[in-house]
Protein backbone atom coordinates (compact mmCIF):
# COMPACT_ATOMS: atom_id res chain seq x y z
CA UNK A 1 -31.29 -42.04 1.60
CA UNK A 2 -29.30 -39.40 3.44
CA UNK A 3 -32.21 -39.03 5.84
CA UNK A 4 -32.03 -42.78 6.55
CA UNK A 5 -28.32 -42.45 7.26
CA UNK A 6 -28.94 -39.48 9.55
CA UNK A 7 -31.82 -41.31 11.22
CA UNK A 8 -29.63 -44.37 11.76
CA UNK A 9 -26.87 -42.28 13.28
CA UNK A 10 -29.31 -40.47 15.57
CA UNK A 11 -30.83 -43.74 16.75
CA UNK A 12 -27.37 -45.24 17.27
CA UNK A 13 -26.20 -42.29 19.36
CA UNK A 14 -29.40 -42.45 21.42
CA UNK A 15 -28.88 -46.14 22.13
CA UNK A 16 -31.80 -47.30 20.00
CA UNK A 17 -29.77 -49.99 18.26
CA UNK A 18 -32.73 -51.86 16.76
CA UNK A 19 -34.00 -48.71 15.03
CA UNK A 20 -30.48 -47.80 13.94
CA UNK A 21 -29.97 -51.23 12.41
CA UNK A 22 -33.25 -50.98 10.50
CA UNK A 23 -32.35 -47.54 9.13
CA UNK A 24 -28.83 -48.58 8.09
CA UNK A 25 -30.15 -51.77 6.47
CA UNK A 26 -32.75 -49.85 4.47
CA UNK A 27 -30.23 -47.17 3.48
CA UNK A 28 -27.81 -49.85 2.24
CA UNK A 29 -30.57 -51.44 0.17
CA UNK A 30 -31.61 -48.11 -1.32
CA UNK A 31 -28.03 -47.13 -2.18
CA UNK A 32 -27.58 -50.53 -3.81
CA UNK A 33 -30.76 -50.03 -5.85
CA UNK A 34 -29.49 -46.59 -6.88
CA UNK A 35 -26.21 -48.16 -8.10
CA UNK A 36 -24.14 -46.38 -5.43
CA UNK A 37 -21.92 -49.18 -4.09
CA UNK A 38 -19.65 -46.93 -2.02
CA UNK A 39 -22.47 -45.48 0.08
CA UNK A 40 -24.13 -48.91 0.26
CA UNK A 41 -20.88 -50.32 1.67
CA UNK A 42 -20.61 -47.50 4.21
CA UNK A 43 -24.16 -48.17 5.39
CA UNK A 44 -23.37 -51.90 5.60
CA UNK A 45 -20.38 -51.04 7.78
CA UNK A 46 -22.61 -48.91 10.02
CA UNK A 47 -25.08 -51.79 10.20
CA UNK A 48 -22.27 -54.15 11.14
CA UNK A 49 -21.09 -51.94 14.01
CA UNK A 50 -24.66 -51.66 15.25
CA UNK A 51 -25.17 -55.42 15.10
CA UNK A 52 -21.90 -55.96 16.98
CA UNK A 53 -23.20 -53.68 19.74
CA UNK A 54 -26.34 -55.85 19.80
CA UNK A 55 -24.13 -58.97 20.07
CA UNK A 56 -25.41 -60.30 16.72
CA UNK A 57 -21.96 -61.42 15.63
CA UNK A 58 -23.06 -63.55 12.69
CA UNK A 59 -25.29 -60.76 11.40
CA UNK A 60 -22.47 -58.24 11.77
CA UNK A 61 -20.11 -60.44 9.78
CA UNK A 62 -22.70 -61.01 7.08
CA UNK A 63 -23.43 -57.30 6.81
CA UNK A 64 -19.85 -56.44 5.85
CA UNK A 65 -19.09 -59.25 3.46
CA UNK A 66 -17.59 -57.67 0.35
CA UNK A 67 -17.50 -54.12 1.67
CA UNK A 68 -13.71 -53.94 1.98
CA UNK A 69 -13.28 -54.61 -1.74
CA UNK A 70 -15.91 -52.00 -2.64
CA UNK A 71 -14.26 -49.36 -0.47
CA UNK A 72 -10.80 -50.22 -1.79
CA UNK A 73 -12.03 -49.81 -5.35
CA UNK A 74 -13.45 -46.45 -4.32
CA UNK A 75 -9.97 -45.41 -3.22
CA UNK A 76 -10.57 -45.40 0.52
CA UNK A 77 -8.05 -46.83 2.89
CA UNK A 78 -9.36 -49.91 4.57
CA UNK A 79 -7.65 -51.60 7.46
CA UNK A 80 -7.59 -55.32 7.00
CA UNK A 81 -6.43 -57.94 9.38
């Protein structure tokens, strides 16, 4: 899963948004399957940013639904508003 995260970040930095989105989506699914909601939420946030860059606004919003609550429960500060 870490390799998917790293792959997603590398693709994102290289401007390959479609490949980054695919990697972040798969990483989020795998973290969810592994019962690791915090990392799943972080990958969903990465996916959302990537989708925003691709101008897929509805997809970006859908990707982050529920992530703020997960990250708050994990003790991370989350800006809301």
